[in-house]
PDB file of N, CA and C in Angstrom:
ATOM      1  N   MET A   1     -56.096 -24.824  23.581  1.00  0.00           N
ATOM      2  CA  MET A   1     -56.826 -25.286  24.744  1.00  0.00           C
ATOM      3  C   MET A   1     -56.502 -24.419  25.951  1.00  0.00           C
ATOM      4  N   ILE A   2     -57.494 -24.197  26.762  1.00  0.00           N
ATOM      5  CA  ILE A   2     -57.347 -23.480  28.018  1.00  0.00           C
ATOM      6  C   ILE A   2     -57.352 -24.519  29.129  1.00  0.00           C
ATOM      7  N   GLU A   3     -56.393 -24.433  30.032  1.00  0.00           N
ATOM      8  CA  GLU A   3     -56.379 -25.346  31.172  1.00  0.00           C
ATOM      9  C   GLU A   3     -57.010 -24.642  32.362  1.00  0.00           C
ATOM     10  N   VAL A   4     -57.978 -25.300  32.995  1.00  0.00           N
ATOM     11  CA  VAL A   4     -58.633 -24.760  34.176  1.00  0.00           C
ATOM     12  C   VAL A   4     -58.259 -25.656  35.351  1.00  0.00           C
ATOM     13  N   LYS A   5     -57.675 -25.044  36.391  1.00  0.00           N
ATOM     14  CA  LYS A   5     -57.271 -25.787  37.584  1.00  0.00           C
ATOM     15  C   LYS A   5     -58.211 -25.437  38.729  1.00  0.00           C
ATOM     16  N   TYR A   6     -58.588 -26.451  39.503  1.00  0.00           N
ATOM     17  CA  TYR A   6     -59.517 -26.273  40.616  1.00  0.00           C
ATOM     18  C   TYR A   6     -58.818 -26.602  41.932  1.00  0.00           C
ATOM     19  N   PHE A   7     -59.092 -25.789  42.946  1.00  0.00           N
ATOM     20  CA  PHE A   7     -58.485 -25.985  44.259  1.00  0.00           C
ATOM     21  C   PHE A   7     -59.556 -25.907  45.342  1.00  0.00           C
ATOM     22  N   GLY A   8     -59.301 -26.537  46.481  1.00  0.00           N
ATOM     23  CA  GLY A   8     -60.180 -26.448  47.646  1.00  0.00           C
ATOM     24  C   GLY A   8     -61.591 -26.922  47.373  1.00  0.00           C
ATOM     25  N   ALA A   9     -62.561 -26.148  47.851  1.00  0.00           N
ATOM     26  CA  ALA A   9     -63.972 -26.516  47.728  1.00  0.00           C
ATOM     27  C   ALA A   9     -64.424 -26.589  46.273  1.00  0.00           C
ATOM     28  N   VAL A  10     -63.785 -25.805  45.416  1.00  0.00           N
ATOM     29  CA  VAL A  10     -64.144 -25.854  43.990  1.00  0.00           C
ATOM     30  C   VAL A  10     -63.746 -27.208  43.404  1.00  0.00           C
ATOM     31  N   ALA A  11     -62.582 -27.712  43.769  1.00  0.00           N
ATOM     32  CA  ALA A  11     -62.141 -29.033  43.303  1.00  0.00           C
ATOM     33  C   ALA A  11     -63.074 -30.125  43.836  1.00  0.00           C
ATOM     34  N   GLU A  12     -63.531 -29.966  45.072  1.00  0.00           N
ATOM     35  CA  GLU A  12     -64.473 -30.938  45.633  1.00  0.00           C
ATOM     36  C   GLU A  12     -65.780 -30.937  44.853  1.00  0.00           C
ATOM     37  N   LYS A  13     -66.236 -29.755  44.463  1.00  0.00           N
ATOM     38  CA  LYS A  13     -67.491 -29.630  43.721  1.00  0.00           C
ATOM     39  C   LYS A  13     -67.374 -30.220  42.319  1.00  0.00           C
ATOM     40  N   THR A  14     -66.243 -29.958  41.641  1.00  0.00           N
ATOM     41  CA  THR A  14     -66.061 -30.446  40.263  1.00  0.00           C
ATOM     42  C   THR A  14     -65.621 -31.903  40.219  1.00  0.00           C
ATOM     43  N   LYS A  15     -65.121 -32.403  41.355  1.00  0.00           N
ATOM     44  CA  LYS A  15     -64.600 -33.775  41.455  1.00  0.00           C
ATOM     45  C   LYS A  15     -63.399 -34.009  40.528  1.00  0.00           C
ATOM     46  N   CYS A  16     -62.648 -32.932  40.253  1.00  0.00           N
ATOM     47  CA  CYS A  16     -61.413 -33.064  39.489  1.00  0.00           C
ATOM     48  C   CYS A  16     -60.476 -31.907  39.844  1.00  0.00           C
ATOM     49  N   ALA A  17     -59.192 -32.099  39.597  1.00  0.00           N
ATOM     50  CA  ALA A  17     -58.201 -31.079  39.913  1.00  0.00           C
ATOM     51  C   ALA A  17     -58.005 -30.106  38.754  1.00  0.00           C
ATOM     52  N   PHE A  18     -58.248 -30.579  37.531  1.00  0.00           N
ATOM     53  CA  PHE A  18     -58.100 -29.707  36.365  1.00  0.00           C
ATOM     54  C   PHE A  18     -58.834 -30.305  35.183  1.00  0.00           C
ATOM     55  N   GLU A  19     -59.049 -29.477  34.174  1.00  0.00           N
ATOM     56  CA  GLU A  19     -59.576 -29.954  32.899  1.00  0.00           C
ATOM     57  C   GLU A  19     -59.095 -29.015  31.806  1.00  0.00           C
ATOM     58  N   LYS A  20     -59.045 -29.533  30.600  1.00  0.00           N
ATOM     59  CA  LYS A  20     -58.664 -28.721  29.443  1.00  0.00           C
ATOM     60  C   LYS A  20     -59.909 -28.467  28.622  1.00  0.00           C
ATOM     61  N   ILE A  21     -60.095 -27.197  28.256  1.00  0.00           N
ATOM     62  CA  ILE A  21     -61.298 -26.796  27.546  1.00  0.00           C
ATOM     63  C   ILE A  21     -60.901 -26.169  26.224  1.00  0.00           C
ATOM     64  N   SER A  22     -61.562 -26.589  25.170  1.00  0.00           N
ATOM     65  CA  SER A  22     -61.267 -26.079  23.838  1.00  0.00           C
ATOM     66  C   SER A  22     -62.231 -24.955  23.471  1.00  0.00           C
ATOM     67  N   PHE A  23     -61.693 -23.782  23.218  1.00  0.00           N
ATOM     68  CA  PHE A  23     -62.463 -22.624  22.776  1.00  0.00           C
ATOM     69  C   PHE A  23     -61.686 -21.929  21.681  1.00  0.00           C
ATOM     70  N   SER A  24     -62.393 -21.346  20.724  1.00  0.00           N
ATOM     71  CA  SER A  24     -61.695 -20.555  19.724  1.00  0.00           C
ATOM     72  C   SER A  24     -61.405 -19.170  20.290  1.00  0.00           C
ATOM     73  N   GLU A  25     -62.394 -18.557  20.925  1.00  0.00           N
ATOM     74  CA  GLU A  25     -62.202 -17.274  21.589  1.00  0.00           C
ATOM     75  C   GLU A  25     -63.295 -17.114  22.632  1.00  0.00           C
ATOM     76  N   VAL A  26     -62.883 -16.857  23.856  1.00  0.00           N
ATOM     77  CA  VAL A  26     -63.847 -16.725  24.947  1.00  0.00           C
ATOM     78  C   VAL A  26     -63.290 -15.748  25.974  1.00  0.00           C
ATOM     79  N   SER A  27     -64.186 -14.994  26.594  1.00  0.00           N
ATOM     80  CA  SER A  27     -63.744 -14.106  27.671  1.00  0.00           C
ATOM     81  C   SER A  27     -63.739 -14.892  28.979  1.00  0.00           C
ATOM     82  N   LEU A  28     -63.011 -14.389  29.937  1.00  0.00           N
ATOM     83  CA  LEU A  28     -62.980 -15.025  31.252  1.00  0.00           C
ATOM     84  C   LEU A  28     -64.383 -15.082  31.839  1.00  0.00           C
ATOM     85  N   HIS A  29     -65.130 -14.011  31.689  1.00  0.00           N
ATOM     86  CA  HIS A  29     -66.499 -13.953  32.214  1.00  0.00           C
ATOM     87  C   HIS A  29     -67.368 -15.057  31.598  1.00  0.00           C
ATOM     88  N   GLU A  30     -67.261 -15.258  30.282  1.00  0.00           N
ATOM     89  CA  GLU A  30     -68.041 -16.313  29.607  1.00  0.00           C
ATOM     90  C   GLU A  30     -67.624 -17.703  30.085  1.00  0.00           C
ATOM     91  N   LEU A  31     -66.320 -17.897  30.256  1.00  0.00           N
ATOM     92  CA  LEU A  31     -65.829 -19.185  30.746  1.00  0.00           C
ATOM     93  C   LEU A  31     -66.398 -19.480  32.127  1.00  0.00           C
ATOM     94  N   LEU A  32     -66.376 -18.493  33.020  1.00  0.00           N
ATOM     95  CA  LEU A  32     -66.899 -18.694  34.370  1.00  0.00           C
ATOM     96  C   LEU A  32     -68.396 -18.974  34.355  1.00  0.00           C
ATOM     97  N   GLN A  33     -69.124 -18.326  33.462  1.00  0.00           N
ATOM     98  CA  GLN A  33     -70.565 -18.605  33.339  1.00  0.00           C
ATOM     99  C   GLN A  33     -70.799 -20.046  32.884  1.00  0.00           C
ATOM    100  N   ASP A  34     -70.025 -20.493  31.898  1.00  0.00           N
ATOM    101  CA  ASP A  34     -70.162 -21.870  31.406  1.00  0.00           C
ATOM    102  C   ASP A  34     -69.839 -22.885  32.504  1.00  0.00           C
ATOM    103  N   LEU A  35     -68.772 -22.624  33.261  1.00  0.00           N
ATOM    104  CA  LEU A  35     -68.402 -23.538  34.344  1.00  0.00           C
ATOM    105  C   LEU A  35     -69.462 -23.552  35.444  1.00  0.00           C
ATOM    106  N   ASP A  36     -70.060 -22.387  35.716  1.00  0.00           N
ATOM    107  CA  ASP A  36     -71.107 -22.324  36.728  1.00  0.00           C
ATOM    108  C   ASP A  36     -72.335 -23.129  36.293  1.00  0.00           C
ATOM    109  N   LYS A  37     -72.677 -23.067  35.006  1.00  0.00           N
ATOM    110  CA  LYS A  37     -73.803 -23.866  34.496  1.00  0.00           C
ATOM    111  C   LYS A  37     -73.502 -25.356  34.612  1.00  0.00           C
ATOM    112  N   LYS A  38     -72.265 -25.719  34.321  1.00  0.00           N
ATOM    113  CA  LYS A  38     -71.864 -27.133  34.336  1.00  0.00           C
ATOM    114  C   LYS A  38     -71.792 -27.697  35.750  1.00  0.00           C
ATOM    115  N   TYR A  39     -71.218 -26.914  36.686  1.00  0.00           N
ATOM    116  CA  TYR A  39     -70.963 -27.436  38.035  1.00  0.00           C
ATOM    117  C   TYR A  39     -71.863 -26.842  39.119  1.00  0.00           C
ATOM    118  N   GLN A  40     -72.626 -25.817  38.793  1.00  0.00           N
ATOM    119  CA  GLN A  40     -73.527 -25.163  39.758  1.00  0.00           C
ATOM    120  C   GLN A  40     -72.769 -24.797  41.042  1.00  0.00           C
ATOM    121  N   PHE A  41     -71.856 -23.852  40.915  1.00  0.00           N
ATOM    122  CA  PHE A  41     -71.037 -23.425  42.047  1.00  0.00           C
ATOM    123  C   PHE A  41     -71.859 -22.791  43.166  1.00  0.00           C
ATOM    124  N   ASP A  42     -73.088 -22.352  42.860  1.00  0.00           N
ATOM    125  CA  ASP A  42     -73.979 -21.755  43.852  1.00  0.00           C
ATOM    126  C   ASP A  42     -73.274 -20.632  44.613  1.00  0.00           C
ATOM    127  N   SER A  43     -73.098 -20.812  45.910  1.00  0.00           N
ATOM    128  CA  SER A  43     -72.538 -19.741  46.731  1.00  0.00           C
ATOM    129  C   SER A  43     -71.068 -19.981  47.080  1.00  0.00           C
ATOM    130  N   LEU A  44     -70.372 -20.803  46.308  1.00  0.00           N
ATOM    131  CA  LEU A  44     -68.957 -21.041  46.575  1.00  0.00           C
ATOM    132  C   LEU A  44     -68.174 -19.748  46.383  1.00  0.00           C
ATOM    133  N   ALA A  45     -67.331 -19.441  47.342  1.00  0.00           N
ATOM    134  CA  ALA A  45     -66.466 -18.262  47.236  1.00  0.00           C
ATOM    135  C   ALA A  45     -65.115 -18.713  46.685  1.00  0.00           C
ATOM    136  N   PHE A  46     -64.648 -18.040  45.638  1.00  0.00           N
ATOM    137  CA  PHE A  46     -63.333 -18.346  45.092  1.00  0.00           C
ATOM    138  C   PHE A  46     -62.793 -17.138  44.331  1.00  0.00           C
ATOM    139  N   SER A  47     -61.483 -17.084  44.245  1.00  0.00           N
ATOM    140  CA  SER A  47     -60.802 -16.068  43.449  1.00  0.00           C
ATOM    141  C   SER A  47     -60.366 -16.714  42.143  1.00  0.00           C
ATOM    142  N   VAL A  48     -60.063 -15.859  41.167  1.00  0.00           N
ATOM    143  CA  VAL A  48     -59.653 -16.359  39.860  1.00  0.00           C
ATOM    144  C   VAL A  48     -58.275 -15.816  39.519  1.00  0.00           C
ATOM    145  N   ALA A  49     -57.413 -16.689  39.034  1.00  0.00           N
ATOM    146  CA  ALA A  49     -56.096 -16.277  38.559  1.00  0.00           C
ATOM    147  C   ALA A  49     -55.946 -16.732  37.106  1.00  0.00           C
ATOM    148  N   VAL A  50     -55.387 -15.859  36.295  1.00  0.00           N
ATOM    149  CA  VAL A  50     -55.065 -16.211  34.912  1.00  0.00           C
ATOM    150  C   VAL A  50     -53.557 -16.106  34.777  1.00  0.00           C
ATOM    151  N   ASN A  51     -52.934 -17.200  34.416  1.00  0.00           N
ATOM    152  CA  ASN A  51     -51.473 -17.258  34.297  1.00  0.00           C
ATOM    153  C   ASN A  51     -50.791 -16.732  35.560  1.00  0.00           C
ATOM    154  N   GLN A  52     -51.287 -17.186  36.711  1.00  0.00           N
ATOM    155  CA  GLN A  52     -50.740 -16.920  38.041  1.00  0.00           C
ATOM    156  C   GLN A  52     -50.904 -15.474  38.498  1.00  0.00           C
ATOM    157  N   LYS A  53     -51.845 -14.721  37.913  1.00  0.00           N
ATOM    158  CA  LYS A  53     -52.137 -13.362  38.360  1.00  0.00           C
ATOM    159  C   LYS A  53     -53.619 -13.273  38.707  1.00  0.00           C
ATOM    160  N   ILE A  54     -53.936 -12.832  39.919  1.00  0.00           N
ATOM    161  CA  ILE A  54     -55.324 -12.687  40.353  1.00  0.00           C
ATOM    162  C   ILE A  54     -55.999 -11.615  39.505  1.00  0.00           C
ATOM    163  N   VAL A  55     -57.194 -11.943  38.997  1.00  0.00           N
ATOM    164  CA  VAL A  55     -57.963 -11.001  38.182  1.00  0.00           C
ATOM    165  C   VAL A  55     -59.411 -10.980  38.672  1.00  0.00           C
ATOM    166  N   PRO A  56     -60.123  -9.867  38.446  1.00  0.00           N
ATOM    167  CA  PRO A  56     -61.549  -9.817  38.830  1.00  0.00           C
ATOM    168  C   PRO A  56     -62.367 -10.798  37.992  1.00  0.00           C
ATOM    169  N   LYS A  57     -63.349 -11.427  38.618  1.00  0.00           N
ATOM    170  CA  LYS A  57     -64.196 -12.402  37.906  1.00  0.00           C
ATOM    171  C   LYS A  57     -64.962 -11.775  36.754  1.00  0.00           C
ATOM    172  N   ALA A  58     -65.367 -10.534  36.891  1.00  0.00           N
ATOM    173  CA  ALA A  58     -66.221  -9.887  35.893  1.00  0.00           C
ATOM    174  C   ALA A  58     -65.447  -9.278  34.731  1.00  0.00           C
ATOM    175  N   THR A  59     -64.151  -9.431  34.703  1.00  0.00           N
ATOM    176  CA  THR A  59     -63.354  -8.812  33.648  1.00  0.00           C
ATOM    177  C   THR A  59     -63.687  -9.412  32.283  1.00  0.00           C
ATOM    178  N   ASN A  60     -63.560  -8.604  31.255  1.00  0.00           N
ATOM    179  CA  ASN A  60     -63.798  -9.068  29.887  1.00  0.00           C
ATOM    180  C   ASN A  60     -62.509  -9.530  29.236  1.00  0.00           C
ATOM    181  N   TYR A  61     -61.563  -9.957  30.030  1.00  0.00           N
ATOM    182  CA  TYR A  61     -60.285 -10.448  29.532  1.00  0.00           C
ATOM    183  C   TYR A  61     -60.523 -11.595  28.555  1.00  0.00           C
ATOM    184  N   THR A  62     -59.961 -11.471  27.348  1.00  0.00           N
ATOM    185  CA  THR A  62     -60.102 -12.533  26.350  1.00  0.00           C
ATOM    186  C   THR A  62     -59.001 -13.561  26.570  1.00  0.00           C
ATOM    187  N   LEU A  63     -59.404 -14.789  26.788  1.00  0.00           N
ATOM    188  CA  LEU A  63     -58.450 -15.864  27.045  1.00  0.00           C
ATOM    189  C   LEU A  63     -57.789 -16.329  25.752  1.00  0.00           C
ATOM    190  N   GLN A  64     -56.523 -16.662  25.855  1.00  0.00           N
ATOM    191  CA  GLN A  64     -55.755 -17.188  24.740  1.00  0.00           C
ATOM    192  C   GLN A  64     -55.667 -18.714  24.864  1.00  0.00           C
ATOM    193  N   ASN A  65     -55.291 -19.374  23.775  1.00  0.00           N
ATOM    194  CA  ASN A  65     -55.237 -20.831  23.741  1.00  0.00           C
ATOM    195  C   ASN A  65     -54.366 -21.458  24.820  1.00  0.00           C
ATOM    196  N   SER A  66     -53.288 -20.822  25.200  1.00  0.00           N
ATOM    197  CA  SER A  66     -52.357 -21.444  26.150  1.00  0.00           C
ATOM    198  C   SER A  66     -52.537 -20.951  27.579  1.00  0.00           C
ATOM    199  N   ASP A  67     -53.591 -20.182  27.866  1.00  0.00           N
ATOM    200  CA  ASP A  67     -53.793 -19.642  29.212  1.00  0.00           C
ATOM    201  C   ASP A  67     -54.139 -20.732  30.220  1.00  0.00           C
ATOM    202  N   VAL A  68     -53.743 -20.477  31.465  1.00  0.00           N
ATOM    203  CA  VAL A  68     -54.083 -21.347  32.583  1.00  0.00           C
ATOM    204  C   VAL A  68     -54.931 -20.523  33.548  1.00  0.00           C
ATOM    205  N   VAL A  69     -56.144 -21.001  33.798  1.00  0.00           N
ATOM    206  CA  VAL A  69     -57.076 -20.331  34.702  1.00  0.00           C
ATOM    207  C   VAL A  69     -57.179 -21.184  35.962  1.00  0.00           C
ATOM    208  N   ALA A  70     -57.013 -20.550  37.117  1.00  0.00           N
ATOM    209  CA  ALA A  70     -57.103 -21.265  38.390  1.00  0.00           C
ATOM    210  C   ALA A  70     -58.230 -20.683  39.218  1.00  0.00           C
ATOM    211  N   LEU A  71     -59.063 -21.550  39.770  1.00  0.00           N
ATOM    212  CA  LEU A  71     -60.132 -21.148  40.687  1.00  0.00           C
ATOM    213  C   LEU A  71     -59.663 -21.483  42.086  1.00  0.00           C
ATOM    214  N   LEU A  72     -59.416 -20.453  42.885  1.00  0.00           N
ATOM    215  CA  LEU A  72     -58.732 -20.586  44.171  1.00  0.00           C
ATOM    216  C   LEU A  72     -59.662 -20.340  45.351  1.00  0.00           C
ATOM    217  N   PRO A  73     -59.520 -21.120  46.429  1.00  0.00           N
ATOM    218  CA  PRO A  73     -60.345 -20.909  47.615  1.00  0.00           C
ATOM    219  C   PRO A  73     -59.928 -19.607  48.303  1.00  0.00           C
ATOM    220  N   PRO A  74     -60.762 -19.099  49.198  1.00  0.00           N
ATOM    221  CA  PRO A  74     -60.371 -17.910  49.962  1.00  0.00           C
ATOM    222  C   PRO A  74     -59.098 -18.177  50.753  1.00  0.00           C
ATOM    223  N   PHE A  75     -58.276 -17.169  50.845  1.00  0.00           N
ATOM    224  CA  PHE A  75     -57.012 -17.309  51.570  1.00  0.00           C
ATOM    225  C   PHE A  75     -57.195 -16.906  53.022  1.00  0.00           C
ATOM    226  N   ALA A  76     -56.547 -17.640  53.911  1.00  0.00           N
ATOM    227  CA  ALA A  76     -56.579 -17.295  55.332  1.00  0.00           C
ATOM    228  C   ALA A  76     -55.214 -16.760  55.712  1.00  0.00           C
ATOM    229  N   GLY A  77     -55.202 -15.671  56.436  1.00  0.00           N
ATOM    230  CA  GLY A  77     -53.928 -15.077  56.846  1.00  0.00           C
ATOM    231  C   GLY A  77     -53.585 -15.442  58.272  1.00  0.00           C
ATOM    232  N   GLY A  78     -52.364 -15.124  58.617  1.00  0.00           N
ATOM    233  CA  GLY A  78     -51.991 -15.429  59.985  1.00  0.00           C
ATOM    234  C   GLY A  78     -50.631 -14.958  60.325  1.00  0.00           C
TER     235      GLY A  78
END
């Protein structure tokens, strides 16, 4: 199972903080497409982290069963 964690506006849109998704083999890009179809993220801006490392959304990274994917709101500096 892949755990997907939602933060900020993405969590508000999904109405949950996390969910576990069962896939035999899926790329990060495919997972994000499936989530977009399910939740219709529209123009929400967010970054993606896999196992606590920021990665490009369009990457063909193949997710493993124990991976944790986080959808993070834009960061504000100061």
